[in-house]
């Protein structure tokens, strides 16, 4: 399992979400539906959370920007390499790397 951010995505998260901030992380979770699916019927999503409130199952640090997946959501991302970028309309774009 890997979640990779492009430089553009790192900059977007830092600028748009005003991160890094003490005890704040970008938390990726699973939602029902969405235009991109790693597993049928479910898509990735993110929110800003307090690190202390999460039972962390996966964590990466990108120049002070922490991204996490809660233990309860690891099943969705497990076995995948998810690449996150920013599209031409300033939206987050997910792709799966092989």
PDB file of N, CA and C in Angstrom:
ATOM      1  N   UNK A   1       0.854  -1.183   0.000  1.00  0.00           N
ATOM      2  CA  UNK A   1       0.000   0.000   0.000  1.00  0.00           C
ATOM      3  C   UNK A   1       0.890   1.233   0.000  1.00  0.00           C
ATOM      4  N   UNK A   2       0.576   2.149  -0.890  1.00  0.00           N
ATOM      5  CA  UNK A   2       1.326   3.406  -0.944  1.00  0.00           C
ATOM      6  C   UNK A   2       0.386   4.504  -1.417  1.00  0.00           C
ATOM      7  N   UNK A   3       0.496   5.653  -0.782  1.00  0.00           N
ATOM      8  CA  UNK A   3      -0.196   6.854  -1.241  1.00  0.00           C
ATOM      9  C   UNK A   3       0.889   7.866  -1.554  1.00  0.00           C
ATOM     10  N   UNK A   4       0.959   8.240  -2.816  1.00  0.00           N
ATOM     11  CA  UNK A   4       2.008   9.127  -3.298  1.00  0.00           C
ATOM     12  C   UNK A   4       1.405  10.461  -3.734  1.00  0.00           C
ATOM     13  N   UNK A   5       2.015  11.543  -3.306  1.00  0.00           N
ATOM     14  CA  UNK A   5       1.578  12.876  -3.716  1.00  0.00           C
ATOM     15  C   UNK A   5       2.584  13.460  -4.696  1.00  0.00           C
ATOM     16  N   UNK A   6       2.102  14.017  -5.798  1.00  0.00           N
ATOM     17  CA  UNK A   6       2.988  14.766  -6.684  1.00  0.00           C
ATOM     18  C   UNK A   6       3.359  16.075  -5.991  1.00  0.00           C
ATOM     19  N   UNK A   7       4.348  16.753  -6.521  1.00  0.00           N
ATOM     20  CA  UNK A   7       4.732  18.045  -5.945  1.00  0.00           C
ATOM     21  C   UNK A   7       3.568  19.022  -6.003  1.00  0.00           C
ATOM     22  N   UNK A   8       2.800  18.987  -7.090  1.00  0.00           N
ATOM     23  CA  UNK A   8       1.648  19.878  -7.219  1.00  0.00           C
ATOM     24  C   UNK A   8       0.608  19.574  -6.139  1.00  0.00           C
ATOM     25  N   UNK A   9       0.403  18.296  -5.850  1.00  0.00           N
ATOM     26  CA  UNK A   9      -0.560  17.911  -4.808  1.00  0.00           C
ATOM     27  C   UNK A   9      -0.061  18.350  -3.426  1.00  0.00           C
ATOM     28  N   UNK A  10       1.224  18.164  -3.159  1.00  0.00           N
ATOM     29  CA  UNK A  10       1.785  18.621  -1.872  1.00  0.00           C
ATOM     30  C   UNK A  10       1.544  20.113  -1.703  1.00  0.00           C
ATOM     31  N   UNK A  11       1.854  20.873  -2.754  1.00  0.00           N
ATOM     32  CA  UNK A  11       1.664  22.330  -2.695  1.00  0.00           C
ATOM     33  C   UNK A  11       0.188  22.681  -2.510  1.00  0.00           C
ATOM     34  N   UNK A  12      -0.708  21.975  -3.189  1.00  0.00           N
ATOM     35  CA  UNK A  12      -2.142  22.239  -3.082  1.00  0.00           C
ATOM     36  C   UNK A  12      -2.626  22.012  -1.656  1.00  0.00           C
ATOM     37  N   UNK A  13      -2.279  20.857  -1.061  1.00  0.00           N
ATOM     38  CA  UNK A  13      -2.697  20.566   0.311  1.00  0.00           C
ATOM     39  C   UNK A  13      -2.154  21.604   1.290  1.00  0.00           C
ATOM     40  N   UNK A  14      -0.911  22.004   1.091  1.00  0.00           N
ATOM     41  CA  UNK A  14      -0.312  23.002   1.989  1.00  0.00           C
ATOM     42  C   UNK A  14      -0.990  24.363   1.842  1.00  0.00           C
ATOM     43  N   UNK A  15      -1.254  24.775   0.608  1.00  0.00           N
ATOM     44  CA  UNK A  15      -1.845  26.097   0.365  1.00  0.00           C
ATOM     45  C   UNK A  15      -3.343  26.138   0.673  1.00  0.00           C
ATOM     46  N   UNK A  16      -4.084  25.205   0.114  1.00  0.00           N
ATOM     47  CA  UNK A  16      -5.547  25.214   0.242  1.00  0.00           C
ATOM     48  C   UNK A  16      -6.021  24.853   1.645  1.00  0.00           C
ATOM     49  N   UNK A  17      -5.318  23.945   2.312  1.00  0.00           N
ATOM     50  CA  UNK A  17      -5.746  23.485   3.633  1.00  0.00           C
ATOM     51  C   UNK A  17      -4.922  24.085   4.758  1.00  0.00           C
ATOM     52  N   UNK A  18      -4.014  24.984   4.382  1.00  0.00           N
ATOM     53  CA  UNK A  18      -3.163  25.686   5.343  1.00  0.00           C
ATOM     54  C   UNK A  18      -2.442  24.705   6.274  1.00  0.00           C
ATOM     55  N   UNK A  19      -1.806  23.720   5.665  1.00  0.00           N
ATOM     56  CA  UNK A  19      -1.033  22.714   6.392  1.00  0.00           C
ATOM     57  C   UNK A  19       0.430  22.852   6.010  1.00  0.00           C
ATOM     58  N   UNK A  20       1.366  22.391   6.798  1.00  0.00           N
ATOM     59  CA  UNK A  20       1.177  21.664   8.049  1.00  0.00           C
ATOM     60  C   UNK A  20       0.813  22.589   9.207  1.00  0.00           C
ATOM     61  N   UNK A  21       0.098  22.028  10.146  1.00  0.00           N
ATOM     62  CA  UNK A  21      -0.302  22.695  11.375  1.00  0.00           C
ATOM     63  C   UNK A  21      -0.166  21.665  12.486  1.00  0.00           C
ATOM     64  N   UNK A  22       0.177  22.095  13.683  1.00  0.00           N
ATOM     65  CA  UNK A  22       0.373  21.163  14.791  1.00  0.00           C
ATOM     66  C   UNK A  22      -0.808  20.220  14.949  1.00  0.00           C
ATOM     67  N   UNK A  23      -0.501  18.929  15.012  1.00  0.00           N
ATOM     68  CA  UNK A  23      -1.460  17.859  15.263  1.00  0.00           C
ATOM     69  C   UNK A  23      -2.529  17.718  14.180  1.00  0.00           C
ATOM     70  N   UNK A  24      -2.363  18.358  13.012  1.00  0.00           N
ATOM     71  CA  UNK A  24      -3.332  18.234  11.917  1.00  0.00           C
ATOM     72  C   UNK A  24      -2.718  17.387  10.801  1.00  0.00           C
ATOM     73  N   UNK A  25      -3.534  16.502  10.231  1.00  0.00           N
ATOM     74  CA  UNK A  25      -3.102  15.622   9.157  1.00  0.00           C
ATOM     75  C   UNK A  25      -4.165  15.585   8.068  1.00  0.00           C
ATOM     76  N   UNK A  26      -3.750  15.186   6.874  1.00  0.00           N
ATOM     77  CA  UNK A  26      -4.705  14.899   5.811  1.00  0.00           C
ATOM     78  C   UNK A  26      -5.054  13.425   5.963  1.00  0.00           C
ATOM     79  N   UNK A  27      -6.311  13.162   6.269  1.00  0.00           N
ATOM     80  CA  UNK A  27      -6.768  11.794   6.473  1.00  0.00           C
ATOM     81  C   UNK A  27      -7.526  11.322   5.241  1.00  0.00           C
ATOM     82  N   UNK A  28      -7.034  10.251   4.620  1.00  0.00           N
ATOM     83  CA  UNK A  28      -7.736   9.626   3.504  1.00  0.00           C
ATOM     84  C   UNK A  28      -8.648   8.551   4.071  1.00  0.00           C
ATOM     85  N   UNK A  29      -9.873   8.514   3.560  1.00  0.00           N
ATOM     86  CA  UNK A  29     -10.839   7.544   4.041  1.00  0.00           C
ATOM     87  C   UNK A  29     -11.606   6.980   2.856  1.00  0.00           C
ATOM     88  N   UNK A  30     -12.552   6.109   3.130  1.00  0.00           N
ATOM     89  CA  UNK A  30     -13.347   5.448   2.095  1.00  0.00           C
ATOM     90  C   UNK A  30     -14.747   6.037   2.103  1.00  0.00           C
ATOM     91  N   UNK A  31     -15.270   6.302   0.909  1.00  0.00           N
ATOM     92  CA  UNK A  31     -16.653   6.761   0.822  1.00  0.00           C
ATOM     93  C   UNK A  31     -17.374   5.900  -0.207  1.00  0.00           C
ATOM     94  N   UNK A  32     -18.665   5.873  -0.103  1.00  0.00           N
ATOM     95  CA  UNK A  32     -19.475   5.140  -1.054  1.00  0.00           C
ATOM     96  C   UNK A  32     -19.607   5.969  -2.323  1.00  0.00           C
ATOM     97  N   UNK A  33     -19.306   5.372  -3.455  1.00  0.00           N
ATOM     98  CA  UNK A  33     -19.429   6.061  -4.734  1.00  0.00           C
ATOM     99  C   UNK A  33     -18.198   6.867  -5.077  1.00  0.00           C
ATOM    100  N   UNK A  34     -18.345   7.727  -6.060  1.00  0.00           N
ATOM    101  CA  UNK A  34     -17.241   8.545  -6.537  1.00  0.00           C
ATOM    102  C   UNK A  34     -16.865   8.158  -7.958  1.00  0.00           C
ATOM    103  N   UNK A  35     -16.150   9.026  -8.626  1.00  0.00           N
ATOM    104  CA  UNK A  35     -15.798   8.771 -10.023  1.00  0.00           C
ATOM    105  C   UNK A  35     -14.560   7.886 -10.151  1.00  0.00           C
ATOM    106  N   UNK A  36     -13.746   7.796  -9.110  1.00  0.00           N
ATOM    107  CA  UNK A  36     -12.571   6.929  -9.119  1.00  0.00           C
ATOM    108  C   UNK A  36     -12.775   5.842  -8.073  1.00  0.00           C
ATOM    109  N   UNK A  37     -12.545   4.592  -8.456  1.00  0.00           N
ATOM    110  CA  UNK A  37     -12.755   3.475  -7.536  1.00  0.00           C
ATOM    111  C   UNK A  37     -11.546   2.553  -7.528  1.00  0.00           C
ATOM    112  N   UNK A  38     -11.012   2.252  -6.341  1.00  0.00           N
ATOM    113  CA  UNK A  38     -10.018   1.192  -6.202  1.00  0.00           C
ATOM    114  C   UNK A  38     -10.717  -0.143  -6.033  1.00  0.00           C
ATOM    115  N   UNK A  39     -11.867  -0.122  -5.380  1.00  0.00           N
ATOM    116  CA  UNK A  39     -12.711  -1.295  -5.205  1.00  0.00           C
ATOM    117  C   UNK A  39     -14.134  -0.885  -5.591  1.00  0.00           C
ATOM    118  N   UNK A  40     -14.824  -1.764  -6.277  1.00  0.00           N
ATOM    119  CA  UNK A  40     -16.124  -1.435  -6.853  1.00  0.00           C
ATOM    120  C   UNK A  40     -17.095  -0.850  -5.817  1.00  0.00           C
ATOM    121  N   UNK A  41     -17.648   0.298  -6.182  1.00  0.00           N
ATOM    122  CA  UNK A  41     -18.660   0.941  -5.356  1.00  0.00           C
ATOM    123  C   UNK A  41     -18.126   1.931  -4.341  1.00  0.00           C
ATOM    124  N   UNK A  42     -16.806   1.979  -4.171  1.00  0.00           N
ATOM    125  CA  UNK A  42     -16.211   2.852  -3.150  1.00  0.00           C
ATOM    126  C   UNK A  42     -15.109   3.707  -3.753  1.00  0.00           C
ATOM    127  N   UNK A  43     -14.987   4.940  -3.260  1.00  0.00           N
ATOM    128  CA  UNK A  43     -13.960   5.841  -3.738  1.00  0.00           C
ATOM    129  C   UNK A  43     -13.175   6.469  -2.600  1.00  0.00           C
ATOM    130  N   UNK A  44     -11.981   6.976  -2.908  1.00  0.00           N
ATOM    131  CA  UNK A  44     -11.187   7.649  -1.883  1.00  0.00           C
ATOM    132  C   UNK A  44     -11.691   9.071  -1.643  1.00  0.00           C
ATOM    133  N   UNK A  45     -11.484   9.543  -0.445  1.00  0.00           N
ATOM    134  CA  UNK A  45     -11.819  10.919  -0.073  1.00  0.00           C
ATOM    135  C   UNK A  45     -10.836  11.347   1.003  1.00  0.00           C
ATOM    136  N   UNK A  46     -10.825  12.636   1.314  1.00  0.00           N
ATOM    137  CA  UNK A  46      -9.914  13.118   2.352  1.00  0.00           C
ATOM    138  C   UNK A  46     -10.576  14.199   3.180  1.00  0.00           C
ATOM    139  N   UNK A  47     -10.022  14.400   4.356  1.00  0.00           N
ATOM    140  CA  UNK A  47     -10.433  15.452   5.259  1.00  0.00           C
ATOM    141  C   UNK A  47      -9.220  15.847   6.084  1.00  0.00           C
ATOM    142  N   UNK A  48      -9.310  16.948   6.781  1.00  0.00           N
ATOM    143  CA  UNK A  48      -8.267  17.339   7.726  1.00  0.00           C
ATOM    144  C   UNK A  48      -8.737  16.908   9.107  1.00  0.00           C
ATOM    145  N   UNK A  49      -7.876  16.190   9.821  1.00  0.00           N
ATOM    146  CA  UNK A  49      -8.230  15.647  11.131  1.00  0.00           C
ATOM    147  C   UNK A  49      -7.121  15.922  12.134  1.00  0.00           C
ATOM    148  N   UNK A  50      -7.458  15.764  13.397  1.00  0.00           N
ATOM    149  CA  UNK A  50      -6.451  15.809  14.458  1.00  0.00           C
ATOM    150  C   UNK A  50      -5.798  14.435  14.530  1.00  0.00           C
ATOM    151  N   UNK A  51      -4.486  14.409  14.458  1.00  0.00           N
ATOM    152  CA  UNK A  51      -3.758  13.141  14.454  1.00  0.00           C
ATOM    153  C   UNK A  51      -4.067  12.310  15.695  1.00  0.00           C
ATOM    154  N   UNK A  52      -4.212  12.955  16.840  1.00  0.00           N
ATOM    155  CA  UNK A  52      -4.456  12.237  18.092  1.00  0.00           C
ATOM    156  C   UNK A  52      -5.809  11.530  18.120  1.00  0.00           C
ATOM    157  N   UNK A  53      -6.730  11.902  17.226  1.00  0.00           N
ATOM    158  CA  UNK A  53      -8.071  11.310  17.204  1.00  0.00           C
ATOM    159  C   UNK A  53      -8.171  10.085  16.306  1.00  0.00           C
ATOM    160  N   UNK A  54      -7.067   9.689  15.665  1.00  0.00           N
ATOM    161  CA  UNK A  54      -7.106   8.626  14.655  1.00  0.00           C
ATOM    162  C   UNK A  54      -6.293   7.421  15.110  1.00  0.00           C
ATOM    163  N   UNK A  55      -6.874   6.240  14.937  1.00  0.00           N
ATOM    164  CA  UNK A  55      -6.133   4.997  15.114  1.00  0.00           C
ATOM    165  C   UNK A  55      -5.455   4.733  13.768  1.00  0.00           C
ATOM    166  N   UNK A  56      -4.214   5.165  13.631  1.00  0.00           N
ATOM    167  CA  UNK A  56      -3.521   5.208  12.345  1.00  0.00           C
ATOM    168  C   UNK A  56      -3.080   3.814  11.895  1.00  0.00           C
ATOM    169  N   UNK A  57      -3.446   3.506  10.644  1.00  0.00           N
ATOM    170  CA  UNK A  57      -3.036   2.249  10.033  1.00  0.00           C
ATOM    171  C   UNK A  57      -1.970   2.444   8.975  1.00  0.00           C
ATOM    172  N   UNK A  58      -1.831   3.664   8.473  1.00  0.00           N
ATOM    173  CA  UNK A  58      -0.843   3.997   7.441  1.00  0.00           C
ATOM    174  C   UNK A  58      -0.518   5.473   7.580  1.00  0.00           C
ATOM    175  N   UNK A  59       0.775   5.806   7.406  1.00  0.00           N
ATOM    176  CA  UNK A  59       1.183   7.208   7.510  1.00  0.00           C
ATOM    177  C   UNK A  59       2.367   7.474   6.601  1.00  0.00           C
ATOM    178  N   UNK A  60       2.350   8.626   5.953  1.00  0.00           N
ATOM    179  CA  UNK A  60       3.460   9.120   5.141  1.00  0.00           C
ATOM    180  C   UNK A  60       3.680  10.580   5.506  1.00  0.00           C
ATOM    181  N   UNK A  61       4.921  11.020   5.388  1.00  0.00           N
ATOM    182  CA  UNK A  61       5.253  12.415   5.658  1.00  0.00           C
ATOM    183  C   UNK A  61       5.912  12.997   4.410  1.00  0.00           C
ATOM    184  N   UNK A  62       5.374  14.095   3.926  1.00  0.00           N
ATOM    185  CA  UNK A  62       5.904  14.799   2.765  1.00  0.00           C
ATOM    186  C   UNK A  62       6.312  16.201   3.191  1.00  0.00           C
ATOM    187  N   UNK A  63       7.580  16.358   3.532  1.00  0.00           N
ATOM    188  CA  UNK A  63       8.116  17.672   3.911  1.00  0.00           C
ATOM    189  C   UNK A  63       7.270  18.354   4.979  1.00  0.00           C
ATOM    190  N   UNK A  64       6.914  17.615   6.027  1.00  0.00           N
ATOM    191  CA  UNK A  64       6.131  18.175   7.125  1.00  0.00           C
ATOM    192  C   UNK A  64       4.629  18.000   6.966  1.00  0.00           C
ATOM    193  N   UNK A  65       4.175  17.598   5.796  1.00  0.00           N
ATOM    194  CA  UNK A  65       2.757  17.346   5.547  1.00  0.00           C
ATOM    195  C   UNK A  65       2.486  15.868   5.800  1.00  0.00           C
ATOM    196  N   UNK A  66       1.716  15.564   6.833  1.00  0.00           N
ATOM    197  CA  UNK A  66       1.417  14.178   7.173  1.00  0.00           C
ATOM    198  C   UNK A  66       0.101  13.753   6.541  1.00  0.00           C
ATOM    199  N   UNK A  67       0.139  12.583   5.885  1.00  0.00           N
ATOM    200  CA  UNK A  67      -1.078  11.982   5.374  1.00  0.00           C
ATOM    201  C   UNK A  67      -1.247  10.638   6.081  1.00  0.00           C
ATOM    202  N   UNK A  68      -2.490  10.318   6.418  1.00  0.00           N
ATOM    203  CA  UNK A  68      -2.767   9.094   7.164  1.00  0.00           C
ATOM    204  C   UNK A  68      -4.014   8.409   6.618  1.00  0.00           C
ATOM    205  N   UNK A  69      -4.097   7.117   6.941  1.00  0.00           N
ATOM    206  CA  UNK A  69      -5.303   6.329   6.728  1.00  0.00           C
ATOM    207  C   UNK A  69      -5.583   5.653   8.060  1.00  0.00           C
ATOM    208  N   UNK A  70      -6.806   5.762   8.531  1.00  0.00           N
ATOM    209  CA  UNK A  70      -7.189   5.104   9.779  1.00  0.00           C
ATOM    210  C   UNK A  70      -7.151   3.590   9.584  1.00  0.00           C
ATOM    211  N   UNK A  71      -6.866   2.882  10.659  1.00  0.00           N
ATOM    212  CA  UNK A  71      -6.810   1.424  10.621  1.00  0.00           C
ATOM    213  C   UNK A  71      -8.085   0.827  10.014  1.00  0.00           C
ATOM    214  N   UNK A  72      -9.238   1.407  10.317  1.00  0.00           N
ATOM    215  CA  UNK A  72     -10.513   0.876   9.821  1.00  0.00           C
ATOM    216  C   UNK A  72     -10.684   1.037   8.308  1.00  0.00           C
ATOM    217  N   UNK A  73      -9.866   1.894   7.660  1.00  0.00           N
ATOM    218  CA  UNK A  73      -9.967   2.122   6.219  1.00  0.00           C
ATOM    219  C   UNK A  73      -8.831   1.496   5.414  1.00  0.00           C
ATOM    220  N   UNK A  74      -7.884   0.863   6.086  1.00  0.00           N
ATOM    221  CA  UNK A  74      -6.737   0.270   5.398  1.00  0.00           C
ATOM    222  C   UNK A  74      -7.179  -0.765   4.368  1.00  0.00           C
ATOM    223  N   UNK A  75      -8.250  -1.506   4.643  1.00  0.00           N
ATOM    224  CA  UNK A  75      -8.729  -2.547   3.724  1.00  0.00           C
ATOM    225  C   UNK A  75      -8.929  -2.020   2.304  1.00  0.00           C
ATOM    226  N   UNK A  76      -9.339  -0.777   2.196  1.00  0.00           N
ATOM    227  CA  UNK A  76      -9.636  -0.202   0.882  1.00  0.00           C
ATOM    228  C   UNK A  76      -8.357   0.095   0.095  1.00  0.00           C
ATOM    229  N   UNK A  77      -7.341   0.616   0.758  1.00  0.00           N
ATOM    230  CA  UNK A  77      -6.109   1.048   0.101  1.00  0.00           C
ATOM    231  C   UNK A  77      -5.073  -0.072  -0.006  1.00  0.00           C
ATOM    232  N   UNK A  78      -5.219  -1.113   0.794  1.00  0.00           N
ATOM    233  CA  UNK A  78      -4.250  -2.204   0.854  1.00  0.00           C
ATOM    234  C   UNK A  78      -4.056  -2.856  -0.510  1.00  0.00           C
ATOM    235  N   UNK A  79      -2.791  -3.053  -0.870  1.00  0.00           N
ATOM    236  CA  UNK A  79      -2.470  -3.683  -2.143  1.00  0.00           C
ATOM    237  C   UNK A  79      -2.488  -2.738  -3.333  1.00  0.00           C
ATOM    238  N   UNK A  80      -2.666  -1.450  -3.077  1.00  0.00           N
ATOM    239  CA  UNK A  80      -2.727  -0.459  -4.155  1.00  0.00           C
ATOM    240  C   UNK A  80      -1.666   0.622  -3.972  1.00  0.00           C
ATOM    241  N   UNK A  81      -1.267   1.208  -5.087  1.00  0.00           N
ATOM    242  CA  UNK A  81      -0.372   2.365  -5.101  1.00  0.00           C
ATOM    243  C   UNK A  81      -1.189   3.508  -5.702  1.00  0.00           C
ATOM    244  N   UNK A  82      -1.665   4.382  -4.838  1.00  0.00           N
ATOM    245  CA  UNK A  82      -2.523   5.494  -5.240  1.00  0.00           C
ATOM    246  C   UNK A  82      -1.671   6.737  -5.435  1.00  0.00           C
ATOM    247  N   UNK A  83      -1.776   7.332  -6.604  1.00  0.00           N
ATOM    248  CA  UNK A  83      -1.053   8.575  -6.895  1.00  0.00           C
ATOM    249  C   UNK A  83      -2.058   9.716  -6.913  1.00  0.00           C
ATOM    250  N   UNK A  84      -1.708  10.792  -6.232  1.00  0.00           N
ATOM    251  CA  UNK A  84      -2.612  11.938  -6.109  1.00  0.00           C
ATOM    252  C   UNK A  84      -1.953  13.152  -6.749  1.00  0.00           C
ATOM    253  N   UNK A  85      -2.702  13.804  -7.616  1.00  0.00           N
ATOM    254  CA  UNK A  85      -2.211  14.967  -8.356  1.00  0.00           C
ATOM    255  C   UNK A  85      -3.300  16.034  -8.351  1.00  0.00           C
ATOM    256  N   UNK A  86      -3.034  17.152  -9.000  1.00  0.00           N
ATOM    257  CA  UNK A  86      -4.011  18.234  -9.129  1.00  0.00           C
ATOM    258  C   UNK A  86      -4.328  18.397 -10.611  1.00  0.00           C
ATOM    259  N   UNK A  87      -5.610  18.413 -10.946  1.00  0.00           N
ATOM    260  CA  UNK A  87      -6.048  18.542 -12.332  1.00  0.00           C
ATOM    261  C   UNK A  87      -6.066  19.979 -12.808  1.00  0.00           C
ATOM    262  N   UNK A  88      -6.440  20.144 -14.058  1.00  0.00           N
ATOM    263  CA  UNK A  88      -6.407  21.471 -14.682  1.00  0.00           C
ATOM    264  C   UNK A  88      -7.416  22.446 -14.091  1.00  0.00           C
ATOM    265  N   UNK A  89      -8.441  21.937 -13.404  1.00  0.00           N
ATOM    266  CA  UNK A  89      -9.436  22.817 -12.791  1.00  0.00           C
ATOM    267  C   UNK A  89      -9.245  22.902 -11.278  1.00  0.00           C
ATOM    268  N   UNK A  90      -8.002  22.678 -10.835  1.00  0.00           N
ATOM    269  CA  UNK A  90      -7.633  22.792  -9.429  1.00  0.00           C
ATOM    270  C   UNK A  90      -8.356  21.767  -8.547  1.00  0.00           C
ATOM    271  N   UNK A  91      -8.658  20.589  -9.130  1.00  0.00           N
ATOM    272  CA  UNK A  91      -9.297  19.528  -8.364  1.00  0.00           C
ATOM    273  C   UNK A  91      -8.291  18.398  -8.133  1.00  0.00           C
ATOM    274  N   UNK A  92      -8.506  17.641  -7.057  1.00  0.00           N
ATOM    275  CA  UNK A  92      -7.649  16.506  -6.752  1.00  0.00           C
ATOM    276  C   UNK A  92      -7.993  15.366  -7.697  1.00  0.00           C
ATOM    277  N   UNK A  93      -6.942  14.748  -8.271  1.00  0.00           N
ATOM    278  CA  UNK A  93      -7.100  13.677  -9.227  1.00  0.00           C
ATOM    279  C   UNK A  93      -6.380  12.437  -8.695  1.00  0.00           C
ATOM    280  N   UNK A  94      -7.093  11.300  -8.704  1.00  0.00           N
ATOM    281  CA  UNK A  94      -6.545  10.036  -8.235  1.00  0.00           C
ATOM    282  C   UNK A  94      -6.253   9.135  -9.425  1.00  0.00           C
ATOM    283  N   UNK A  95      -5.107   8.473  -9.397  1.00  0.00           N
ATOM    284  CA  UNK A  95      -4.791   7.428 -10.368  1.00  0.00           C
ATOM    285  C   UNK A  95      -4.129   6.272  -9.633  1.00  0.00           C
ATOM    286  N   UNK A  96      -4.248   5.086 -10.198  1.00  0.00           N
ATOM    287  CA  UNK A  96      -3.594   3.939  -9.597  1.00  0.00           C
ATOM    288  C   UNK A  96      -2.353   3.613 -10.404  1.00  0.00           C
ATOM    289  N   UNK A  97      -1.219   3.548  -9.720  1.00  0.00           N
ATOM    290  CA  UNK A  97       0.039   3.198 -10.336  1.00  0.00           C
ATOM    291  C   UNK A  97       0.197   1.676 -10.297  1.00  0.00           C
ATOM    292  N   UNK A  98       0.754   1.140 -11.311  1.00  0.00           N
ATOM    293  CA  UNK A  98       0.969  -0.319 -11.351  1.00  0.00           C
ATOM    294  C   UNK A  98       2.409  -0.653 -11.057  1.00  0.00           C
TER     295      UNK A  98
END
